[in-house]
C-alpha atoms as a PDB file:
ATOM      1  CA  UNK A   1     122.165  12.180 106.387  1.00  0.00           C
ATOM      2  CA  UNK A   2     118.658  13.655 106.454  1.00  0.00           C
ATOM      3  CA  UNK A   3     115.974  10.984 106.627  1.00  0.00           C
ATOM      4  CA  UNK A   4     112.614  11.474 104.669  1.00  0.00           C
ATOM      5  CA  UNK A   5     111.022   9.425 107.217  1.00  0.00           C
ATOM      6  CA  UNK A   6     111.315  11.984 109.866  1.00  0.00           C
ATOM      7  CA  UNK A   7     108.996  14.595 107.988  1.00  0.00           C
ATOM      8  CA  UNK A   8     106.599  11.911 106.183  1.00  0.00           C
ATOM      9  CA  UNK A   9     104.049  12.455 108.877  1.00  0.00           C
ATOM     10  CA  UNK A  10     103.993  16.155 108.962  1.00  0.00           C
ATOM     11  CA  UNK A  11     103.675  16.471 104.925  1.00  0.00           C
ATOM     12  CA  UNK A  12     100.680  14.019 105.122  1.00  0.00           C
ATOM     13  CA  UNK A  13      98.842  15.932 107.678  1.00  0.00           C
ATOM     14  CA  UNK A  14      99.325  19.094 105.466  1.00  0.00           C
ATOM     15  CA  UNK A  15      97.928  17.649 102.433  1.00  0.00           C
ATOM     16  CA  UNK A  16      95.211  16.233 104.359  1.00  0.00           C
ATOM     17  CA  UNK A  17      94.215  19.540 105.772  1.00  0.00           C
ATOM     18  CA  UNK A  18      94.445  21.186 102.342  1.00  0.00           C
ATOM     19  CA  UNK A  19      92.075  18.297 100.668  1.00  0.00           C
ATOM     20  CA  UNK A  20      89.493  18.605 103.888  1.00  0.00           C
ATOM     21  CA  UNK A  21      89.430  22.498 103.288  1.00  0.00           C
ATOM     22  CA  UNK A  22      88.901  22.419  99.508  1.00  0.00           C
ATOM     23  CA  UNK A  23      86.135  19.617  99.857  1.00  0.00           C
ATOM     24  CA  UNK A  24      84.571  21.678 102.442  1.00  0.00           C
ATOM     25  CA  UNK A  25      84.247  24.660 100.567  1.00  0.00           C
ATOM     26  CA  UNK A  26      82.921  22.875  97.557  1.00  0.00           C
ATOM     27  CA  UNK A  27      80.145  21.368  99.935  1.00  0.00           C
ATOM     28  CA  UNK A  28      79.248  24.649 101.207  1.00  0.00           C
ATOM     29  CA  UNK A  29      79.132  26.201  97.740  1.00  0.00           C
ATOM     30  CA  UNK A  30      76.916  23.483  96.557  1.00  0.00           C
ATOM     31  CA  UNK A  31      74.450  23.549  99.318  1.00  0.00           C
ATOM     32  CA  UNK A  32      73.935  27.280  98.889  1.00  0.00           C
ATOM     33  CA  UNK A  33      73.502  26.928  95.130  1.00  0.00           C
ATOM     34  CA  UNK A  34      70.799  24.351  95.896  1.00  0.00           C
ATOM     35  CA  UNK A  35      69.009  26.619  98.392  1.00  0.00           C
ATOM     36  CA  UNK A  36      68.955  29.659  96.032  1.00  0.00           C
ATOM     37  CA  UNK A  37      67.507  27.408  93.230  1.00  0.00           C
ATOM     38  CA  UNK A  38      64.785  26.331  95.386  1.00  0.00           C
ATOM     39  CA  UNK A  39      63.959  29.524  97.304  1.00  0.00           C
ATOM     40  CA  UNK A  40      64.591  32.041  94.396  1.00  0.00           C
ATOM     41  CA  UNK A  41      62.141  33.147  91.694  1.00  0.00           C
ATOM     42  CA  UNK A  42      61.456  30.492  89.341  1.00  0.00           C
ATOM     43  CA  UNK A  43      61.606  31.248  85.409  1.00  0.00           C
ATOM     44  CA  UNK A  44      60.870  28.985  82.482  1.00  0.00           C
ATOM     45  CA  UNK A  45      61.404  29.478  78.742  1.00  0.00           C
ATOM     46  CA  UNK A  46      57.707  28.674  78.239  1.00  0.00           C
ATOM     47  CA  UNK A  47      56.421  31.121  80.792  1.00  0.00           C
ATOM     48  CA  UNK A  48      58.872  33.951  79.461  1.00  0.00           C
ATOM     49  CA  UNK A  49      57.896  33.392  75.920  1.00  0.00           C
ATOM     50  CA  UNK A  50      54.167  33.522  76.675  1.00  0.00           C
ATOM     51  CA  UNK A  51      54.396  36.267  79.279  1.00  0.00           C
ATOM     52  CA  UNK A  52      52.250  34.486  81.808  1.00  0.00           C
ATOM     53  CA  UNK A  53      50.664  37.095  84.233  1.00  0.00           C
ATOM     54  CA  UNK A  54      51.941  37.583  87.512  1.00  0.00           C
ATOM     55  CA  UNK A  55      55.596  35.998  86.884  1.00  0.00           C
ATOM     56  CA  UNK A  56      58.539  38.282  87.420  1.00  0.00           C
ATOM     57  CA  UNK A  57      60.936  38.265  84.191  1.00  0.00           C
ATOM     58  CA  UNK A  58      64.599  38.657  84.428  1.00  0.00           C
ATOM     59  CA  UNK A  59      65.608  42.369  84.299  1.00  0.00           C
ATOM     60  CA  UNK A  60      62.026  43.548  84.334  1.00  0.00           C
ATOM     61  CA  UNK A  61      58.872  44.111  85.858  1.00  0.00           C
ATOM     62  CA  UNK A  62      56.040  41.688  86.291  1.00  0.00           C
ATOM     63  CA  UNK A  63      53.972  40.877  83.308  1.00  0.00           C
ATOM     64  CA  UNK A  64      50.500  42.508  83.921  1.00  0.00           C
ATOM     65  CA  UNK A  65      47.416  41.238  82.069  1.00  0.00           C
ATOM     66  CA  UNK A  66      45.940  44.283  80.108  1.00  0.00           C
ATOM     67  CA  UNK A  67      42.724  43.444  78.378  1.00  0.00           C
ATOM     68  CA  UNK A  68      42.147  44.538  74.513  1.00  0.00           C
ATOM     69  CA  UNK A  69      40.866  48.227  74.845  1.00  0.00           C
ATOM     70  CA  UNK A  70      37.330  48.858  73.870  1.00  0.00           C
ATOM     71  CA  UNK A  71      37.105  50.883  70.847  1.00  0.00           C
ATOM     72  CA  UNK A  72      33.671  52.621  69.325  1.00  0.00           C
ATOM     73  CA  UNK A  73      32.866  51.365  65.817  1.00  0.00           C
ATOM     74  CA  UNK A  74      31.399  53.708  63.012  1.00  0.00           C
ATOM     75  CA  UNK A  75      29.335  56.289  64.571  1.00  0.00           C
ATOM     76  CA  UNK A  76      25.611  56.903  63.614  1.00  0.00           C
ATOM     77  CA  UNK A  77      25.215  59.264  66.477  1.00  0.00           C
ATOM     78  CA  UNK A  78      24.231  56.587  68.672  1.00  0.00           C
ATOM     79  CA  UNK A  79      27.002  55.843  71.486  1.00  0.00           C
ATOM     80  CA  UNK A  80      28.150  52.212  71.039  1.00  0.00           C
ATOM     81  CA  UNK A  81      31.243  50.142  71.428  1.00  0.00           C
ATOM     82  CA  UNK A  82      32.803  47.272  69.815  1.00  0.00           C
ATOM     83  CA  UNK A  83      35.702  45.232  71.093  1.00  0.00           C
ATOM     84  CA  UNK A  84      38.990  45.006  69.566  1.00  0.00           C
ATOM     85  CA  UNK A  85      41.398  47.057  67.554  1.00  0.00           C
ATOM     86  CA  UNK A  86      40.197  46.673  64.031  1.00  0.00           C
ATOM     87  CA  UNK A  87      36.950  49.070  64.042  1.00  0.00           C
ATOM     88  CA  UNK A  88      36.579  50.581  60.728  1.00  0.00           C
ATOM     89  CA  UNK A  89      36.446  54.467  60.703  1.00  0.00           C
ATOM     90  CA  UNK A  90      35.506  56.582  57.782  1.00  0.00           C
ATOM     91  CA  UNK A  91      34.870  60.311  57.203  1.00  0.00           C
ATOM     92  CA  UNK A  92      33.534  62.169  60.123  1.00  0.00           C
ATOM     93  CA  UNK A  93      34.020  58.936  62.496  1.00  0.00           C
ATOM     94  CA  UNK A  94      37.830  59.687  62.673  1.00  0.00           C
ATOM     95  CA  UNK A  95      37.051  63.062  63.908  1.00  0.00           C
ATOM     96  CA  UNK A  96      34.692  62.145  66.607  1.00  0.00           C
ATOM     97  CA  UNK A  97      36.493  58.828  67.330  1.00  0.00           C
ATOM     98  CA  UNK A  98      38.046  60.000  70.623  1.00  0.00           C
ATOM     99  CA  UNK A  99      35.149  61.754  71.950  1.00  0.00           C
ATOM    100  CA  UNK A 100      32.482  58.624  72.089  1.00  0.00           C
ATOM    101  CA  UNK A 101      32.346  56.949  75.257  1.00  0.00           C
ATOM    102  CA  UNK A 102      29.906  54.255  76.521  1.00  0.00           C
ATOM    103  CA  UNK A 103      27.148  56.444  77.191  1.00  0.00           C
ATOM    104  CA  UNK A 104      25.167  54.185  79.659  1.00  0.00           C
ATOM    105  CA  UNK A 105      27.578  55.082  82.271  1.00  0.00           C
ATOM    106  CA  UNK A 106      26.574  58.880  82.158  1.00  0.00           C
ATOM    107  CA  UNK A 107      22.911  58.411  83.275  1.00  0.00           C
ATOM    108  CA  UNK A 108      20.759  57.576  86.157  1.00  0.00           C
ATOM    109  CA  UNK A 109      16.879  58.102  85.804  1.00  0.00           C
ATOM    110  CA  UNK A 110      15.655  61.502  87.369  1.00  0.00           C
ATOM    111  CA  UNK A 111      11.780  60.631  86.603  1.00  0.00           C
ATOM    112  CA  UNK A 112      10.739  57.031  87.450  1.00  0.00           C
ATOM    113  CA  UNK A 113       7.453  57.135  85.864  1.00  0.00           C
ATOM    114  CA  UNK A 114       6.651  57.325  82.336  1.00  0.00           C
ATOM    115  CA  UNK A 115       8.607  58.640  79.393  1.00  0.00           C
ATOM    116  CA  UNK A 116      11.264  61.287  79.518  1.00  0.00           C
ATOM    117  CA  UNK A 117      14.299  62.624  77.805  1.00  0.00           C
ATOM    118  CA  UNK A 118      17.333  62.975  79.670  1.00  0.00           C
ATOM    119  CA  UNK A 119      20.182  65.533  78.294  1.00  0.00           C
ATOM    120  CA  UNK A 120      23.514  65.742  80.048  1.00  0.00           C
ATOM    121  CA  UNK A 121      25.374  68.691  78.697  1.00  0.00           C
ATOM    122  CA  UNK A 122      28.794  68.032  80.260  1.00  0.00           C
ATOM    123  CA  UNK A 123      28.876  64.489  78.559  1.00  0.00           C
ATOM    124  CA  UNK A 124      27.054  65.533  75.351  1.00  0.00           C
ATOM    125  CA  UNK A 125      24.583  62.734  75.617  1.00  0.00           C
ATOM    126  CA  UNK A 126      20.877  62.363  75.160  1.00  0.00           C
ATOM    127  CA  UNK A 127      19.121  59.444  76.714  1.00  0.00           C
ATOM    128  CA  UNK A 128      15.455  58.103  76.626  1.00  0.00           C
ATOM    129  CA  UNK A 129      13.973  56.721  79.698  1.00  0.00           C
ATOM    130  CA  UNK A 130      10.607  54.891  80.261  1.00  0.00           C
ATOM    131  CA  UNK A 131       9.377  54.002  84.094  1.00  0.00           C
ATOM    132  CA  UNK A 132      12.991  54.248  85.026  1.00  0.00           C
ATOM    133  CA  UNK A 133      14.604  51.932  82.644  1.00  0.00           C
ATOM    134  CA  UNK A 134      17.037  53.405  80.062  1.00  0.00           C
ATOM    135  CA  UNK A 135      16.092  52.450  76.608  1.00  0.00           C
ATOM    136  CA  UNK A 136      18.733  54.166  74.470  1.00  0.00           C
ATOM    137  CA  UNK A 137      21.511  56.916  74.637  1.00  0.00           C
ATOM    138  CA  UNK A 138      23.049  58.997  71.774  1.00  0.00           C
ATOM    139  CA  UNK A 139      25.911  61.565  71.236  1.00  0.00           C
ATOM    140  CA  UNK A 140      24.638  65.193  70.680  1.00  0.00           C
ATOM    141  CA  UNK A 141      25.789  68.528  70.120  1.00  0.00           C
ATOM    142  CA  UNK A 142      24.373  71.398  72.132  1.00  0.00           C
ATOM    143  CA  UNK A 143      24.534  75.150  72.599  1.00  0.00           C
ATOM    144  CA  UNK A 144      28.190  76.668  72.421  1.00  0.00           C
ATOM    145  CA  UNK A 145      29.442  79.135  74.794  1.00  0.00           C
ATOM    146  CA  UNK A 146      27.343  82.189  74.819  1.00  0.00           C
ATOM    147  CA  UNK A 147      24.562  80.219  73.294  1.00  0.00           C
ATOM    148  CA  UNK A 148      24.185  77.681  75.807  1.00  0.00           C
ATOM    149  CA  UNK A 149      21.214  75.160  75.843  1.00  0.00           C
ATOM    150  CA  UNK A 150      19.013  76.320  78.726  1.00  0.00           C
ATOM    151  CA  UNK A 151      19.037  73.880  81.876  1.00  0.00           C
ATOM    152  CA  UNK A 152      15.979  72.940  83.722  1.00  0.00           C
ATOM    153  CA  UNK A 153      12.916  70.751  83.164  1.00  0.00           C
ATOM    154  CA  UNK A 154      11.151  71.509  80.196  1.00  0.00           C
ATOM    155  CA  UNK A 155       8.594  69.436  77.860  1.00  0.00           C
ATOM    156  CA  UNK A 156       8.036  68.683  74.065  1.00  0.00           C
ATOM    157  CA  UNK A 157       6.020  71.498  73.173  1.00  0.00           C
ATOM    158  CA  UNK A 158       5.339  71.060  69.423  1.00  0.00           C
ATOM    159  CA  UNK A 159       6.761  68.484  66.591  1.00  0.00           C
ATOM    160  CA  UNK A 160       7.411  68.770  62.931  1.00  0.00           C
ATOM    161  CA  UNK A 161       9.065  66.131  60.708  1.00  0.00           C
ATOM    162  CA  UNK A 162      10.714  68.738  58.564  1.00  0.00           C
ATOM    163  CA  UNK A 163      10.782  72.301  60.161  1.00  0.00           C
ATOM    164  CA  UNK A 164      12.138  75.239  58.478  1.00  0.00           C
ATOM    165  CA  UNK A 165      14.508  77.799  60.325  1.00  0.00           C
ATOM    166  CA  UNK A 166      13.899  81.173  58.748  1.00  0.00           C
ATOM    167  CA  UNK A 167      16.532  82.570  61.021  1.00  0.00           C
ATOM    168  CA  UNK A 168      19.416  80.361  59.762  1.00  0.00           C
ATOM    169  CA  UNK A 169      17.880  79.240  56.340  1.00  0.00           C
ATOM    170  CA  UNK A 170      18.137  75.515  56.895  1.00  0.00           C
ATOM    171  CA  UNK A 171      15.709  72.610  57.503  1.00  0.00           C
ATOM    172  CA  UNK A 172      15.677  71.117  60.969  1.00  0.00           C
ATOM    173  CA  UNK A 173      14.366  67.521  60.464  1.00  0.00           C
ATOM    174  CA  UNK A 174      12.647  65.563  63.160  1.00  0.00           C
ATOM    175  CA  UNK A 175      12.161  68.894  65.126  1.00  0.00           C
ATOM    176  CA  UNK A 176      10.807  68.981  68.642  1.00  0.00           C
ATOM    177  CA  UNK A 177      10.677  72.191  70.560  1.00  0.00           C
ATOM    178  CA  UNK A 178      11.366  72.188  74.106  1.00  0.00           C
ATOM    179  CA  UNK A 179      10.270  75.885  74.751  1.00  0.00           C
ATOM    180  CA  UNK A 180       6.873  77.070  73.682  1.00  0.00           C
ATOM    181  CA  UNK A 181       8.348  79.861  71.983  1.00  0.00           C
ATOM    182  CA  UNK A 182       9.972  77.510  69.616  1.00  0.00           C
ATOM    183  CA  UNK A 183      13.354  79.011  70.293  1.00  0.00           C
ATOM    184  CA  UNK A 184      14.998  75.874  71.288  1.00  0.00           C
ATOM    185  CA  UNK A 185      14.515  72.383  70.479  1.00  0.00           C
ATOM    186  CA  UNK A 186      15.495  68.818  69.666  1.00  0.00           C
ATOM    187  CA  UNK A 187      16.284  67.899  65.803  1.00  0.00           C
ATOM    188  CA  UNK A 188      18.513  66.192  63.439  1.00  0.00           C
ATOM    189  CA  UNK A 189      21.583  67.783  61.987  1.00  0.00           C
ATOM    190  CA  UNK A 190      20.630  71.022  60.008  1.00  0.00           C
ATOM    191  CA  UNK A 191      19.992  70.390  56.313  1.00  0.00           C
ATOM    192  CA  UNK A 192      20.887  72.755  53.517  1.00  0.00           C
ATOM    193  CA  UNK A 193      18.251  73.426  50.840  1.00  0.00           C
ATOM    194  CA  UNK A 194      20.699  71.438  48.533  1.00  0.00           C
ATOM    195  CA  UNK A 195      20.400  68.327  50.893  1.00  0.00           C
ATOM    196  CA  UNK A 196      23.788  68.847  52.688  1.00  0.00           C
ATOM    197  CA  UNK A 197      24.146  68.182  56.235  1.00  0.00           C
ATOM    198  CA  UNK A 198      25.826  70.231  58.755  1.00  0.00           C
ATOM    199  CA  UNK A 199      27.516  69.455  62.204  1.00  0.00           C
ATOM    200  CA  UNK A 200      28.228  65.773  61.595  1.00  0.00           C
ATOM    201  CA  UNK A 201      31.998  66.509  62.795  1.00  0.00           C
ATOM    202  CA  UNK A 202      30.668  68.535  65.786  1.00  0.00           C
ATOM    203  CA  UNK A 203      28.730  65.775  67.416  1.00  0.00           C
ATOM    204  CA  UNK A 204      30.007  65.115  70.959  1.00  0.00           C
ATOM    205  CA  UNK A 205      31.005  68.911  71.322  1.00  0.00           C
ATOM    206  CA  UNK A 206      28.884  72.065  72.380  1.00  0.00           C
ATOM    207  CA  UNK A 207      28.501  73.687  68.821  1.00  0.00           C
ATOM    208  CA  UNK A 208      24.950  74.788  68.275  1.00  0.00           C
ATOM    209  CA  UNK A 209      22.958  77.935  68.564  1.00  0.00           C
ATOM    210  CA  UNK A 210      21.235  76.338  71.789  1.00  0.00           C
ATOM    211  CA  UNK A 211      19.398  73.455  70.195  1.00  0.00           C
ATOM    212  CA  UNK A 212      20.126  69.994  70.904  1.00  0.00           C
ATOM    213  CA  UNK A 213      21.342  68.122  67.624  1.00  0.00           C
ATOM    214  CA  UNK A 214      21.148  64.544  66.901  1.00  0.00           C
ATOM    215  CA  UNK A 215      22.593  62.350  64.310  1.00  0.00           C
ATOM    216  CA  UNK A 216      20.831  60.843  61.498  1.00  0.00           C
ATOM    217  CA  UNK A 217      18.883  57.913  62.574  1.00  0.00           C
ATOM    218  CA  UNK A 218      18.669  58.513  66.257  1.00  0.00           C
ATOM    219  CA  UNK A 219      16.729  62.025  65.695  1.00  0.00           C
ATOM    220  CA  UNK A 220      14.015  59.944  63.889  1.00  0.00           C
ATOM    221  CA  UNK A 221      14.079  57.375  66.632  1.00  0.00           C
ATOM    222  CA  UNK A 222      13.617  59.954  69.400  1.00  0.00           C
ATOM    223  CA  UNK A 223      10.758  61.857  67.323  1.00  0.00           C
ATOM    224  CA  UNK A 224       8.767  58.608  66.720  1.00  0.00           C
ATOM    225  CA  UNK A 225       9.315  57.831  70.447  1.00  0.00           C
ATOM    226  CA  UNK A 226       8.462  60.919  72.378  1.00  0.00           C
ATOM    227  CA  UNK A 227       4.881  62.518  72.478  1.00  0.00           C
ATOM    228  CA  UNK A 228       3.964  66.162  73.096  1.00  0.00           C
ATOM    229  CA  UNK A 229       4.180  66.924  76.577  1.00  0.00           C
ATOM    230  CA  UNK A 230       7.171  64.337  77.244  1.00  0.00           C
ATOM    231  CA  UNK A 231       9.454  65.948  79.882  1.00  0.00           C
ATOM    232  CA  UNK A 232      12.859  66.864  78.912  1.00  0.00           C
ATOM    233  CA  UNK A 233      15.409  67.245  81.611  1.00  0.00           C
ATOM    234  CA  UNK A 234      18.681  69.562  80.838  1.00  0.00           C
ATOM    235  CA  UNK A 235      21.543  69.705  82.992  1.00  0.00           C
END
């Protein structure tokens, strides 16, 4: 008769081998998992919920810190900026909204002694300097194509707080001629005899007949600040 005692030893060896193999795989898998947990990118629900800059989110690019954009507020002809997204815009402000930039970045003094007026045609900006220091800067409207504002160094030739243009039939408040003939000058937005203003929505664009138009407020400011003989640099 076949006796079980003759095969007991071999059967025990097979089971011991199988158990050892399973335990070995389990041990290797566990060590690999621990290594991956410590070596791989770390995620946390708190970090993901707040979008912490510099941390990589699952299935997506790193979260980059973007500051709130700077948006100009209501325009009075003077280039200025207010932080945030809730600046109120009305009327012509909606039209010139995307044409206004921080004007101070456009200017470097070209005359470092005394007063002078700086007009940047490509930026459609006018700045006033004194002793090399920028005092203020404003959005303007200069001559359109075919009627360009003359480049070069000019000077305030004459002034009138309410000049009348016989050629165009409008008032030009706070007029300052930059040519002795009076053919070109700096002035506030043209004013019709009925009191209506023209060109507010064109500030920031070349749209005049060659003059430099300023908004309501800035024109008076520049007029009161500049004297006859003040240099005017147009480029």
